[in-house]
Amino acid sequence: MICNRMMMMMMRAMNSTAGADDNKGPLMLLKMMLVLLVVAAMAAQLAAAADPCLELTDSVAPCTCADSVLDCSGIRSGAQLLTIAGLQNGQSLGFEEIRILANPLVMDIPDGAFGAHYAVHTINFMNNKDLLSISGSIFRPESKATLGTLIVRDNKVESFPFSALQGFTNLTTIRLDGNRLTSIPNNAFDGLISNVELLNLDNNLISSIGEFAFSNIESVQEITLKNNQLERLGTHALHLSAPVATVSVSKNLIASVDPDFLSGLLPGNTVLSSNLITSLPQDQWGPALADSLTSSARLSFTDNQFVCDCGMKWLFDVPAAQAHFFNILCSNILNPSTGQPWNLWLAGVDALGECP
């Protein structure tokens, strides 16, 4: 109403001076100032109307709410969320961000923790040193078309409700790194149809990736699982149905792979650095190389402990293999100039010894 009255006053002032000559400069300046005041007032009114914190009908303490951010970092436990009137009174408000940060007490985020409220753009649970579990109910259907950032990192989360993410079409960042996840289930990200820029699962305890875990993400730039406990990549573990720039499983304990660990569309770069790979037997790695030859895909093996022998001769029988398998350093063949492990492709097939 205030904005409407100011607008009418401005219009009358401008109309009353219509036709004034150029000597009325101060009056024109006054008009411009009035316009700026009206715009500022309207912007403030719209901002206030858009802030759900101002619409809460009950207290959310010990949570706080300001500038459309619901911050529950001060709770004493997950169960306490279920007793807060402003969260559990049936209101359904969309907050730009819902967060719990650096809380030393909370161990779980239970079913119905935030009532019918939901996060419009960001869910941020970070640095909660004893947070073990999160209910899938926090992923409200009202957020499916708008939630862009999911941060659940540097906690102690042991399992995650992957299926609750189905249908979230706007997620660009998913950070689950720095937890205690032990596995990624089959079809974990089914129905996650979005333009994901980063899916980060680094620094967990992941020892297995289920079949087709990442296959139904429509578009993703980077999937990273560095510094986990993977010893083997199983069937279709890295199956992709959309182009991915980089998949990294570096700094794991990988010693072997299933022949079909890579399937579907191959990543531009598959990083297998700093693992326990000592050889590349054809029955395991042949399919990955064959598929790479039909694309620009590259596999990088930096900082493994290869023992290069006749079991790797087959690589020299594949034209252009060295354009797709990179950084194979032979621990048993030293560069005569430096005394350091020699790159397989520079050492050449003769360095493998007399092979049948």
Protein backbone atom coordinates (compact mmCIF):
# COMPACT_ATOMS: atom_id res chain seq x y z
CA MET A 1 0.00 0.00 0.00
CA ILE A 2 2.81 2.43 0.84
CA CYS A 3 4.46 1.72 -2.48
CA ASN A 4 1.19 2.27 -4.33
CA ARG A 5 0.64 5.66 -2.68
CA MET A 6 4.18 6.76 -3.46
CA MET A 7 3.79 5.70 -7.06
CA MET A 8 0.57 7.73 -7.39
CA MET A 9 2.25 10.79 -5.85
CA MET A 10 5.16 10.46 -8.25
CA MET A 11 2.84 10.15 -11.24
CA ARG A 12 0.88 13.29 -10.19
CA ALA A 13 4.12 15.24 -9.69
CA MET A 14 5.36 14.25 -13.12
CA ASN A 15 2.02 15.01 -14.80
CA SER A 16 1.77 18.42 -13.13
CA THR A 17 5.08 19.44 -14.65
CA ALA A 18 4.43 18.03 -18.10
CA GLY A 19 5.41 20.50 -20.76
CA ALA A 20 7.84 22.35 -18.50
CA ASP A 21 10.80 23.91 -20.27
CA ASP A 22 14.45 23.02 -19.87
CA ASN A 23 14.91 25.65 -17.12
CA LYS A 24 13.12 23.41 -14.67
CA GLY A 25 16.21 21.27 -14.10
CA PRO A 26 15.84 21.08 -10.28
CA LEU A 27 12.29 19.85 -10.68
CA MET A 28 13.42 17.07 -13.02
CA LEU A 29 16.07 16.08 -10.49
CA LEU A 30 13.36 15.88 -7.86
CA LYS A 31 11.35 13.61 -10.11
CA MET A 32 14.31 11.28 -10.51
CA MET A 33 14.84 11.17 -6.77
CA LEU A 34 11.19 10.30 -6.28
CA VAL A 35 11.52 7.43 -8.76
CA LEU A 36 14.54 6.05 -6.89
CA LEU A 37 12.72 6.26 -3.58
CA VAL A 38 9.74 4.42 -4.97
CA VAL A 39 11.90 1.67 -6.46
CA ALA A 40 13.80 1.24 -3.19
CA ALA A 41 10.58 1.06 -1.18
CA MET A 42 9.06 -1.48 -3.55
CA ALA A 43 12.22 -3.61 -3.45
CA ALA A 44 12.22 -3.59 0.35
CA GLN A 45 8.55 -4.52 0.45
CA LEU A 46 9.03 -7.38 -2.00
CA ALA A 47 12.07 -8.66 -0.11
CA ALA A 48 10.14 -8.66 3.14
CA ALA A 49 7.22 -10.46 1.55
CA ALA A 50 9.56 -13.12 0.12
CA ASP A 51 11.27 -13.91 3.44
CA PRO A 52 9.55 -16.95 4.97
CA CYS A 53 11.15 -16.13 8.33
CA LEU A 54 8.61 -13.31 8.65
CA GLU A 55 5.75 -15.73 8.06
CA LEU A 56 6.56 -18.13 10.89
CA THR A 57 3.67 -18.17 13.33
CA ASP A 58 5.55 -19.90 16.16
CA SER A 59 9.06 -19.76 17.56
CA VAL A 60 11.74 -21.97 16.01
CA ALA A 61 14.20 -21.52 18.92
CA PRO A 62 16.87 -22.76 19.42
CA CYS A 63 16.95 -22.61 15.63
CA THR A 64 17.21 -19.14 14.15
CA CYS A 65 15.72 -17.70 11.00
CA ALA A 66 16.91 -14.66 9.07
CA ASP A 67 17.14 -13.67 5.42
CA SER A 68 15.31 -16.83 4.38
CA VAL A 69 17.86 -19.13 6.06
CA LEU A 70 16.64 -21.60 8.68
CA ASP A 71 19.65 -22.39 10.85
CA CYS A 72 19.33 -25.18 13.40
CA SER A 73 23.00 -25.39 14.33
CA GLY A 74 22.13 -24.73 17.98
CA ILE A 75 19.99 -27.83 18.63
CA ARG A 76 20.97 -30.29 21.36
CA SER A 77 19.79 -33.40 19.48
CA GLY A 78 17.87 -34.52 16.43
CA ALA A 79 14.91 -35.39 18.62
CA GLN A 80 14.68 -31.79 19.76
CA LEU A 81 13.69 -30.78 16.23
CA LEU A 82 10.48 -32.74 16.69
CA THR A 83 9.50 -30.59 19.68
CA ILE A 84 9.96 -27.12 18.14
CA ALA A 85 6.57 -25.48 17.58
CA GLY A 86 7.65 -23.40 14.60
CA LEU A 87 8.80 -26.53 12.79
CA GLN A 88 5.96 -28.86 13.72
CA ASN A 89 2.83 -26.69 13.54
CA GLY A 90 1.84 -27.68 10.01
CA GLN A 91 3.11 -24.59 8.21
CA SER A 92 4.82 -25.31 4.90
CA LEU A 93 7.38 -22.63 4.07
CA GLY A 94 10.21 -22.70 1.57
CA PHE A 95 13.55 -21.42 2.88
CA GLU A 96 16.46 -20.54 0.62
CA GLU A 97 18.66 -22.71 2.84
CA ILE A 98 18.20 -25.13 5.71
CA ARG A 99 21.41 -25.71 7.63
CA ILE A 100 23.01 -27.43 10.59
CA LEU A 101 26.70 -26.55 10.88
CA ALA A 102 29.48 -27.53 13.31
CA ASN A 103 27.13 -29.03 15.86
CA PRO A 104 28.97 -31.25 18.38
CA LEU A 105 25.83 -32.94 19.77
CA VAL A 106 23.41 -33.94 17.03
CA MET A 107 23.64 -37.61 16.02
CA ASP A 108 20.70 -37.90 13.66
CA ILE A 109 18.25 -35.87 11.62
CA PRO A 110 15.04 -37.86 12.15
CA ASP A 111 11.96 -38.36 10.03
CA GLY A 112 9.88 -35.17 10.04
CA ALA A 113 12.71 -33.10 11.50
CA PHE A 114 11.59 -29.89 9.77
CA GLY A 115 7.89 -30.66 9.61
CA ALA A 116 6.39 -29.53 6.31
CA HIS A 117 9.05 -26.87 5.73
CA TYR A 118 11.49 -27.37 2.86
CA ALA A 119 14.68 -26.01 1.35
CA VAL A 120 14.21 -24.16 -1.92
CA HIS A 121 17.85 -24.02 -3.02
CA THR A 122 20.31 -25.43 -0.44
CA ILE A 123 20.53 -28.12 2.22
CA ASN A 124 23.74 -27.72 4.20
CA PHE A 125 24.75 -30.18 6.95
CA MET A 126 28.50 -29.78 7.43
CA ASN A 127 31.11 -30.36 10.13
CA ASN A 128 28.79 -32.09 12.59
CA LYS A 129 31.26 -34.41 14.24
CA ASP A 130 28.76 -36.97 15.56
CA LEU A 131 26.08 -36.88 12.84
CA LEU A 132 25.49 -40.52 11.83
CA SER A 133 22.19 -40.62 9.94
CA ILE A 134 19.81 -38.48 7.90
CA SER A 135 16.18 -39.23 7.13
CA GLY A 136 15.07 -39.08 3.52
CA SER A 137 12.03 -37.06 4.61
CA ILE A 138 14.06 -33.84 4.52
CA PHE A 139 13.95 -34.08 0.73
CA ARG A 140 10.46 -32.66 0.32
CA PRO A 141 8.58 -32.94 -3.00
CA GLU A 142 8.21 -29.14 -3.05
CA SER A 143 12.00 -28.93 -3.60
CA LYS A 144 12.26 -31.30 -6.55
CA ALA A 145 12.37 -28.63 -9.22
CA THR A 146 14.44 -26.07 -7.30
CA LEU A 147 16.98 -27.67 -4.92
CA GLY A 148 20.39 -26.89 -6.43
CA THR A 149 22.96 -27.66 -3.73
CA LEU A 150 23.15 -30.59 -1.33
CA ILE A 151 26.02 -30.52 1.17
CA VAL A 152 26.34 -33.36 3.67
CA ARG A 153 30.08 -33.33 4.23
CA ASP A 154 32.61 -33.79 7.02
CA ASN A 155 30.22 -35.59 9.33
CA LYS A 156 30.14 -39.27 10.33
CA VAL A 157 27.19 -40.32 8.18
CA GLU A 158 27.26 -44.10 7.71
CA SER A 159 24.40 -44.47 5.24
CA PHE A 160 22.57 -42.07 2.99
CA PRO A 161 18.98 -42.20 1.62
CA PHE A 162 20.02 -42.15 -2.05
CA SER A 163 16.57 -43.14 -3.27
CA ALA A 164 15.12 -39.96 -1.74
CA LEU A 165 16.89 -37.93 -4.45
CA GLN A 166 14.82 -39.39 -7.26
CA GLY A 167 13.19 -36.70 -9.34
CA PHE A 168 15.34 -33.81 -8.12
CA THR A 169 15.87 -32.19 -11.48
CA ASN A 170 17.86 -29.09 -10.55
CA LEU A 171 20.75 -30.40 -8.43
CA THR A 172 24.12 -29.11 -9.61
CA THR A 173 26.26 -29.91 -6.56
CA ILE A 174 26.11 -33.03 -4.39
CA ARG A 175 28.78 -33.24 -1.69
CA LEU A 176 28.79 -36.33 0.49
CA ASP A 177 32.54 -36.32 1.10
CA GLY A 178 34.22 -36.72 4.45
CA ASN A 179 31.75 -39.18 5.97
CA ARG A 180 31.75 -42.89 6.80
CA LEU A 181 29.76 -44.27 3.90
CA THR A 182 30.82 -47.84 3.17
CA SER A 183 29.02 -48.57 -0.09
CA ILE A 184 27.11 -47.08 -3.00
CA PRO A 185 24.06 -49.26 -3.71
CA ASN A 186 22.86 -50.52 -7.08
CA ASN A 187 21.12 -47.78 -9.08
CA ALA A 188 21.88 -45.30 -6.30
CA PHE A 189 21.18 -42.21 -8.37
CA ASP A 190 18.25 -43.48 -10.44
CA GLY A 191 15.91 -40.69 -11.42
CA LEU A 192 18.40 -37.92 -10.65
CA ILE A 193 17.76 -36.08 -13.89
CA SER A 194 19.80 -32.93 -13.62
CA ASN A 195 22.87 -31.07 -14.81
CA VAL A 196 25.15 -32.08 -11.96
CA GLU A 197 28.49 -30.30 -12.02
CA LEU A 198 30.02 -32.17 -9.08
CA LEU A 199 29.18 -35.43 -7.34
CA ASN A 200 31.75 -35.74 -4.56
CA LEU A 201 32.10 -38.94 -2.51
CA ASP A 202 35.74 -38.48 -1.50
CA ASN A 203 37.18 -39.40 1.90
CA ASN A 204 34.65 -42.01 2.93
CA LEU A 205 35.08 -45.73 3.68
CA ILE A 206 33.47 -46.93 0.45
CA SER A 207 34.55 -50.47 -0.39
CA SER A 208 31.97 -51.29 -3.05
CA ILE A 209 30.04 -49.59 -5.84
CA GLY A 210 26.84 -51.31 -6.91
CA GLU A 211 25.86 -52.01 -10.50
CA PHE A 212 24.65 -48.99 -12.47
CA ALA A 213 25.11 -46.75 -9.42
CA PHE A 214 25.66 -43.67 -11.60
CA SER A 215 24.05 -44.78 -14.83
CA ASN A 216 20.85 -42.76 -14.81
CA ILE A 217 22.18 -39.29 -14.08
CA GLU A 218 21.25 -37.41 -17.20
CA SER A 219 24.24 -35.09 -17.15
CA VAL A 220 27.22 -34.79 -14.82
CA GLN A 221 30.62 -33.13 -15.15
CA GLU A 222 32.63 -34.83 -12.41
CA ILE A 223 32.22 -37.89 -10.20
CA THR A 224 34.95 -38.30 -7.61
CA LEU A 225 35.55 -41.11 -5.12
CA LYS A 226 39.10 -40.36 -4.07
CA ASN A 227 40.58 -41.75 -0.87
CA ASN A 228 38.15 -44.57 -0.18
CA GLN A 229 38.58 -48.32 0.43
CA LEU A 230 37.82 -49.73 -3.03
CA GLU A 231 39.83 -52.89 -3.77
CA ARG A 232 38.04 -53.91 -6.96
CA LEU A 233 35.71 -52.23 -9.44
CA GLY A 234 32.84 -54.61 -10.08
CA THR A 235 30.49 -55.13 -13.01
CA HIS A 236 29.02 -51.87 -14.33
CA ALA A 237 30.37 -49.98 -11.31
CA LEU A 238 31.16 -47.00 -13.54
CA HIS A 239 28.42 -47.47 -16.11
CA LEU A 240 27.32 -44.12 -17.50
CA SER A 241 24.41 -43.19 -19.71
CA ALA A 242 25.46 -39.56 -20.24
CA PRO A 243 28.79 -37.84 -20.99
CA VAL A 244 31.00 -37.22 -17.95
CA ALA A 245 34.21 -35.20 -18.12
CA THR A 246 36.02 -36.94 -15.24
CA VAL A 247 35.57 -39.94 -12.96
CA SER A 248 38.25 -40.28 -10.28
CA VAL A 249 38.84 -43.34 -8.12
CA SER A 250 42.39 -42.36 -7.21
CA LYS A 251 43.93 -43.07 -3.80
CA ASN A 252 42.02 -46.27 -3.22
CA LEU A 253 43.24 -49.87 -2.90
CA ILE A 254 42.22 -51.04 -6.36
CA ALA A 255 44.20 -54.05 -7.60
CA SER A 256 41.78 -55.52 -10.15
CA VAL A 257 38.66 -54.76 -12.15
CA ASP A 258 35.77 -56.61 -13.69
CA PRO A 259 35.99 -56.57 -17.51
CA ASP A 260 32.74 -54.57 -17.61
CA PHE A 261 33.53 -52.08 -14.85
CA LEU A 262 33.39 -49.35 -17.50
CA SER A 263 30.31 -49.58 -19.71
CA GLY A 264 27.85 -47.39 -21.49
CA LEU A 265 29.37 -43.99 -22.30
CA LEU A 266 32.97 -43.76 -21.15
CA PRO A 267 34.17 -40.73 -19.15
CA GLY A 268 36.55 -38.35 -20.88
CA ASN A 269 39.07 -39.08 -18.12
CA THR A 270 39.06 -42.05 -15.76
CA VAL A 271 41.64 -41.42 -13.03
CA LEU A 272 43.02 -44.60 -11.44
CA SER A 273 46.11 -42.99 -9.92
CA SER A 274 47.62 -44.03 -6.58
CA ASN A 275 46.12 -47.49 -6.35
CA LEU A 276 47.62 -51.00 -6.08
CA ILE A 277 47.49 -51.94 -9.75
CA THR A 278 50.57 -53.97 -10.73
CA SER A 279 49.53 -55.30 -14.13
CA LEU A 280 46.95 -54.86 -16.88
CA PRO A 281 45.86 -58.37 -17.90
CA GLN A 282 43.99 -58.39 -21.17
CA ASP A 283 40.99 -60.31 -19.82
CA GLN A 284 40.35 -57.50 -17.32
CA TRP A 285 41.41 -54.38 -19.18
CA GLY A 286 40.88 -55.36 -22.81
CA PRO A 287 37.20 -54.29 -22.97
CA ALA A 288 37.95 -50.88 -21.48
CA LEU A 289 40.70 -50.27 -24.02
CA ALA A 290 38.53 -51.48 -26.90
CA ASP A 291 35.74 -49.11 -25.90
CA SER A 292 38.21 -46.26 -25.48
CA LEU A 293 39.42 -46.66 -29.04
CA THR A 294 35.99 -45.60 -30.32
CA SER A 295 36.11 -42.33 -28.36
CA SER A 296 38.55 -39.84 -26.91
CA ALA A 297 38.44 -41.53 -23.49
CA ARG A 298 41.63 -41.69 -21.43
CA LEU A 299 42.58 -43.82 -18.44
CA SER A 300 45.36 -42.50 -16.21
CA PHE A 301 47.45 -44.85 -14.03
CA THR A 302 49.91 -42.47 -12.34
CA ASP A 303 51.59 -43.71 -9.15
CA ASN A 304 50.79 -47.40 -9.27
CA GLN A 305 53.42 -50.13 -8.90
CA PHE A 306 53.44 -51.80 -12.30
CA VAL A 307 55.56 -54.86 -12.89
CA CYS A 308 55.87 -54.78 -16.66
CA ASP A 309 56.33 -58.21 -18.18
CA CYS A 310 55.01 -60.31 -21.02
CA GLY A 311 51.50 -60.10 -19.55
CA MET A 312 51.38 -56.52 -20.85
CA LYS A 313 52.69 -57.25 -24.34
CA TRP A 314 49.13 -57.30 -25.70
CA LEU A 315 48.97 -53.53 -25.24
CA PHE A 316 51.55 -53.09 -28.00
CA ASP A 317 49.39 -55.15 -30.34
CA VAL A 318 46.55 -52.62 -30.08
CA PRO A 319 47.02 -49.64 -32.41
CA ALA A 320 46.82 -46.30 -30.62
CA ALA A 321 46.66 -47.92 -27.18
CA GLN A 322 49.13 -45.39 -25.79
CA ALA A 323 46.73 -42.57 -26.70
CA HIS A 324 44.21 -43.97 -24.22
CA PHE A 325 46.20 -45.67 -21.41
CA PHE A 326 48.42 -43.05 -19.76
CA ASN A 327 51.20 -42.87 -17.20
CA ILE A 328 52.07 -46.55 -16.89
CA LEU A 329 55.36 -46.48 -15.01
CA CYS A 330 57.21 -49.80 -14.75
CA SER A 331 58.74 -50.28 -11.32
CA ASN A 332 60.94 -53.10 -12.66
CA ILE A 333 62.23 -51.23 -15.73
CA LEU A 334 64.30 -48.17 -14.97
CA ASN A 335 65.05 -45.27 -17.24
CA PRO A 336 68.78 -45.55 -17.99
CA SER A 337 69.17 -41.78 -17.85
CA THR A 338 67.42 -41.12 -14.55
CA GLY A 339 67.31 -44.46 -12.77
CA GLN A 340 63.58 -43.91 -12.19
CA PRO A 341 60.67 -46.17 -13.20
CA TRP A 342 60.29 -45.97 -16.97
CA ASN A 343 57.12 -45.17 -18.87
CA LEU A 344 55.98 -48.38 -20.59
CA TRP A 345 55.45 -46.69 -23.93
CA LEU A 346 58.91 -45.11 -23.90
CA ALA A 347 60.59 -48.31 -22.75
CA GLY A 348 59.02 -50.20 -25.65
CA VAL A 349 57.96 -53.80 -26.11
CA ASP A 350 61.54 -55.12 -26.13
CA ALA A 351 61.98 -54.02 -22.53
CA LEU A 352 59.44 -56.67 -21.50
CA GLY A 353 61.91 -59.42 -22.36
CA GLU A 354 61.49 -62.36 -24.71
CA CYS A 355 57.77 -62.95 -24.97
CA PRO A 356 55.94 -65.64 -26.94
